[in-house]
């Protein structure tokens, strides 16, 4: 699994709707990849904070910009 693959499936992983084999692969990747582990932990905390304050949907353009930024920082190739 690449960092890009991990970023693409983290939300499904946290929602527990990811296929078991993909979830296992993500867990192995995150165990060995500090940037993705940090991303997962930050994503998890952000979701927890948002759930405390009520659900606010992030605009699609902001999601796309955040994803591009993170992939750039991780040095992952664009989709």
N, C-alpha and C. Protein backbone atom coordinates (compact mmCIF):
# COMPACT_ATOMS: atom_id res chain seq x y z
N UNK A 1 0.85 -1.17 0.00
CA UNK A 1 0.00 0.00 0.00
C UNK A 1 0.89 1.23 0.00
N UNK A 2 0.54 2.20 -0.82
CA UNK A 2 1.27 3.46 -0.86
C UNK A 2 0.62 4.47 0.08
N UNK A 3 1.30 5.57 0.29
CA UNK A 3 0.73 6.64 1.12
C UNK A 3 -0.56 7.16 0.48
N UNK A 4 -0.56 7.29 -0.82
CA UNK A 4 -1.77 7.76 -1.54
C UNK A 4 -2.93 6.80 -1.30
N UNK A 5 -2.66 5.50 -1.40
CA UNK A 5 -3.70 4.50 -1.14
C UNK A 5 -4.23 4.63 0.28
N UNK A 6 -3.32 4.84 1.22
CA UNK A 6 -3.73 4.97 2.63
C UNK A 6 -4.65 6.17 2.83
N UNK A 7 -4.26 7.30 2.27
CA UNK A 7 -5.08 8.51 2.41
C UNK A 7 -6.46 8.30 1.81
N UNK A 8 -6.52 7.57 0.71
CA UNK A 8 -7.80 7.35 0.04
C UNK A 8 -8.76 6.47 0.84
N UNK A 9 -8.25 5.63 1.75
CA UNK A 9 -9.14 4.69 2.45
C UNK A 9 -9.28 4.95 3.95
N UNK A 10 -8.60 5.95 4.47
CA UNK A 10 -8.64 6.18 5.92
C UNK A 10 -10.05 6.47 6.42
N UNK A 11 -10.82 7.26 5.71
CA UNK A 11 -12.19 7.56 6.17
C UNK A 11 -13.02 6.28 6.26
N UNK A 12 -12.93 5.44 5.24
CA UNK A 12 -13.68 4.17 5.27
C UNK A 12 -13.17 3.27 6.39
N UNK A 13 -11.87 3.31 6.65
CA UNK A 13 -11.30 2.53 7.74
C UNK A 13 -11.90 2.97 9.08
N UNK A 14 -11.94 4.26 9.30
CA UNK A 14 -12.49 4.77 10.56
C UNK A 14 -13.99 4.54 10.67
N UNK A 15 -14.67 4.52 9.52
CA UNK A 15 -16.11 4.24 9.52
C UNK A 15 -16.40 2.74 9.60
N UNK A 16 -15.34 1.94 9.58
CA UNK A 16 -15.43 0.47 9.66
C UNK A 16 -16.25 -0.13 8.52
N UNK A 17 -16.07 0.44 7.32
CA UNK A 17 -16.75 -0.08 6.14
C UNK A 17 -15.73 -0.56 5.10
N UNK A 18 -14.49 -0.63 5.49
CA UNK A 18 -13.42 -1.04 4.60
C UNK A 18 -13.31 -2.56 4.63
N UNK A 19 -13.07 -3.17 3.47
CA UNK A 19 -12.87 -4.62 3.42
C UNK A 19 -11.76 -5.01 4.39
N UNK A 20 -11.92 -6.13 5.04
CA UNK A 20 -10.98 -6.55 6.09
C UNK A 20 -9.54 -6.63 5.58
N UNK A 21 -9.35 -7.19 4.39
CA UNK A 21 -7.98 -7.33 3.88
C UNK A 21 -7.34 -5.97 3.61
N UNK A 22 -8.13 -5.02 3.14
CA UNK A 22 -7.61 -3.67 2.89
C UNK A 22 -7.32 -2.98 4.23
N UNK A 23 -8.19 -3.18 5.20
CA UNK A 23 -7.96 -2.63 6.53
C UNK A 23 -6.68 -3.18 7.15
N UNK A 24 -6.46 -4.48 6.99
CA UNK A 24 -5.23 -5.09 7.51
C UNK A 24 -4.01 -4.50 6.81
N UNK A 25 -4.11 -4.30 5.50
CA UNK A 25 -3.01 -3.72 4.74
C UNK A 25 -2.74 -2.28 5.20
N UNK A 26 -3.80 -1.52 5.43
CA UNK A 26 -3.65 -0.16 5.93
C UNK A 26 -2.97 -0.16 7.29
N UNK A 27 -3.39 -1.03 8.17
CA UNK A 27 -2.79 -1.10 9.50
C UNK A 27 -1.29 -1.41 9.41
N UNK A 28 -0.91 -2.32 8.52
CA UNK A 28 0.52 -2.62 8.34
C UNK A 28 1.27 -1.40 7.81
N UNK A 29 0.67 -0.72 6.84
CA UNK A 29 1.31 0.46 6.27
C UNK A 29 1.49 1.54 7.33
N UNK A 30 0.46 1.82 8.07
CA UNK A 30 0.50 2.88 9.09
C UNK A 30 1.50 2.54 10.19
N UNK A 31 1.63 1.28 10.50
CA UNK A 31 2.58 0.86 11.53
C UNK A 31 4.02 1.21 11.11
N UNK A 32 4.29 1.13 9.80
CA UNK A 32 5.65 1.36 9.29
C UNK A 32 5.87 2.75 8.69
N UNK A 33 4.83 3.57 8.59
CA UNK A 33 4.94 4.86 7.91
C UNK A 33 4.53 5.98 8.87
N UNK A 34 5.51 6.68 9.38
CA UNK A 34 5.25 7.74 10.37
C UNK A 34 4.34 8.84 9.83
N UNK A 35 4.53 9.34 8.58
CA UNK A 35 3.63 10.40 8.09
C UNK A 35 2.18 9.93 8.01
N UNK A 36 1.95 8.71 7.56
CA UNK A 36 0.57 8.22 7.46
C UNK A 36 -0.01 7.95 8.85
N UNK A 37 0.82 7.50 9.77
CA UNK A 37 0.37 7.31 11.15
C UNK A 37 -0.05 8.65 11.75
N UNK A 38 0.74 9.70 11.50
CA UNK A 38 0.39 11.04 11.98
C UNK A 38 -0.89 11.52 11.33
N UNK A 39 -1.04 11.28 10.01
CA UNK A 39 -2.25 11.69 9.30
C UNK A 39 -3.47 10.98 9.88
N UNK A 40 -3.36 9.67 10.09
CA UNK A 40 -4.48 8.91 10.66
C UNK A 40 -4.84 9.45 12.04
N UNK A 41 -3.86 9.68 12.89
CA UNK A 41 -4.14 10.18 14.24
C UNK A 41 -4.77 11.56 14.20
N UNK A 42 -4.28 12.43 13.32
CA UNK A 42 -4.85 13.77 13.18
C UNK A 42 -6.28 13.70 12.65
N UNK A 43 -6.49 12.86 11.65
CA UNK A 43 -7.82 12.69 11.07
C UNK A 43 -8.79 12.18 12.14
N UNK A 44 -8.33 11.21 12.91
CA UNK A 44 -9.17 10.62 13.98
C UNK A 44 -9.55 11.69 15.01
N UNK A 45 -8.56 12.48 15.44
CA UNK A 45 -8.83 13.54 16.44
C UNK A 45 -9.74 14.62 15.87
N UNK A 46 -9.52 14.97 14.62
CA UNK A 46 -10.36 15.99 13.99
C UNK A 46 -11.81 15.53 13.93
N UNK A 47 -12.02 14.28 13.54
CA UNK A 47 -13.38 13.75 13.50
C UNK A 47 -14.02 13.76 14.88
N UNK A 48 -13.24 13.43 15.91
CA UNK A 48 -13.78 13.44 17.28
C UNK A 48 -14.17 14.85 17.71
N UNK A 49 -13.32 15.82 17.39
CA UNK A 49 -13.64 17.21 17.73
C UNK A 49 -14.87 17.70 17.00
N UNK A 50 -14.97 17.38 15.73
CA UNK A 50 -16.13 17.81 14.94
C UNK A 50 -17.40 17.17 15.47
N UNK A 51 -17.32 15.90 15.88
CA UNK A 51 -18.52 15.24 16.38
C UNK A 51 -18.99 15.87 17.69
N UNK A 52 -18.06 16.43 18.46
CA UNK A 52 -18.44 17.11 19.70
C UNK A 52 -19.16 18.42 19.42
N UNK A 53 -18.79 19.08 18.35
CA UNK A 53 -19.36 20.38 18.02
C UNK A 53 -20.54 20.30 17.06
N UNK A 54 -20.85 19.15 16.59
CA UNK A 54 -21.90 18.99 15.60
C UNK A 54 -21.27 18.76 14.23
N UNK A 55 -22.02 18.15 13.40
CA UNK A 55 -21.51 17.76 12.09
C UNK A 55 -21.49 18.95 11.14
N UNK A 56 -20.33 19.22 10.60
CA UNK A 56 -20.17 20.26 9.58
C UNK A 56 -19.49 19.60 8.39
N UNK A 57 -20.10 19.67 7.25
CA UNK A 57 -19.57 19.04 6.05
C UNK A 57 -18.52 19.93 5.41
N UNK A 58 -17.36 19.35 5.14
CA UNK A 58 -16.30 20.10 4.47
C UNK A 58 -16.65 20.21 2.99
N UNK A 59 -16.55 21.40 2.42
CA UNK A 59 -16.82 21.57 0.99
C UNK A 59 -15.87 20.70 0.16
N UNK A 60 -16.35 20.19 -0.96
CA UNK A 60 -15.57 19.30 -1.81
C UNK A 60 -14.26 19.95 -2.26
N UNK A 61 -14.29 21.23 -2.60
CA UNK A 61 -13.07 21.90 -3.04
C UNK A 61 -12.03 21.93 -1.92
N UNK A 62 -12.48 22.13 -0.68
CA UNK A 62 -11.56 22.15 0.44
C UNK A 62 -10.96 20.76 0.66
N UNK A 63 -11.78 19.72 0.52
CA UNK A 63 -11.28 18.35 0.64
C UNK A 63 -10.21 18.08 -0.41
N UNK A 64 -10.47 18.52 -1.63
CA UNK A 64 -9.52 18.30 -2.72
C UNK A 64 -8.22 19.05 -2.45
N UNK A 65 -8.32 20.29 -1.97
CA UNK A 65 -7.12 21.07 -1.66
C UNK A 65 -6.32 20.44 -0.53
N UNK A 66 -7.01 19.97 0.49
CA UNK A 66 -6.34 19.32 1.61
C UNK A 66 -5.64 18.05 1.15
N UNK A 67 -6.31 17.26 0.34
CA UNK A 67 -5.72 16.02 -0.17
C UNK A 67 -4.47 16.33 -1.00
N UNK A 68 -4.56 17.34 -1.90
CA UNK A 68 -3.40 17.71 -2.73
C UNK A 68 -2.24 18.16 -1.85
N UNK A 69 -2.54 18.97 -0.83
CA UNK A 69 -1.52 19.46 0.09
C UNK A 69 -0.83 18.30 0.80
N UNK A 70 -1.62 17.39 1.34
CA UNK A 70 -1.04 16.27 2.08
C UNK A 70 -0.23 15.35 1.18
N UNK A 71 -0.74 15.08 0.00
CA UNK A 71 0.01 14.23 -0.93
C UNK A 71 1.31 14.90 -1.35
N UNK A 72 1.28 16.21 -1.53
CA UNK A 72 2.49 16.93 -1.86
C UNK A 72 3.51 16.82 -0.72
N UNK A 73 3.05 16.97 0.51
CA UNK A 73 3.93 16.89 1.67
C UNK A 73 4.51 15.50 1.84
N UNK A 74 3.71 14.47 1.46
CA UNK A 74 4.18 13.09 1.59
C UNK A 74 5.05 12.68 0.42
N UNK A 75 5.07 13.51 -0.63
CA UNK A 75 5.84 13.19 -1.81
C UNK A 75 5.21 12.12 -2.67
N UNK A 76 3.91 11.92 -2.50
CA UNK A 76 3.20 10.91 -3.28
C UNK A 76 2.83 11.46 -4.65
N UNK A 77 2.85 10.62 -5.67
CA UNK A 77 2.46 11.09 -7.00
C UNK A 77 0.96 11.39 -7.06
N UNK A 78 0.53 12.40 -7.83
CA UNK A 78 -0.90 12.71 -7.95
C UNK A 78 -1.65 11.59 -8.65
N UNK A 79 -2.93 11.56 -8.42
CA UNK A 79 -3.79 10.53 -9.04
C UNK A 79 -3.96 10.77 -10.51
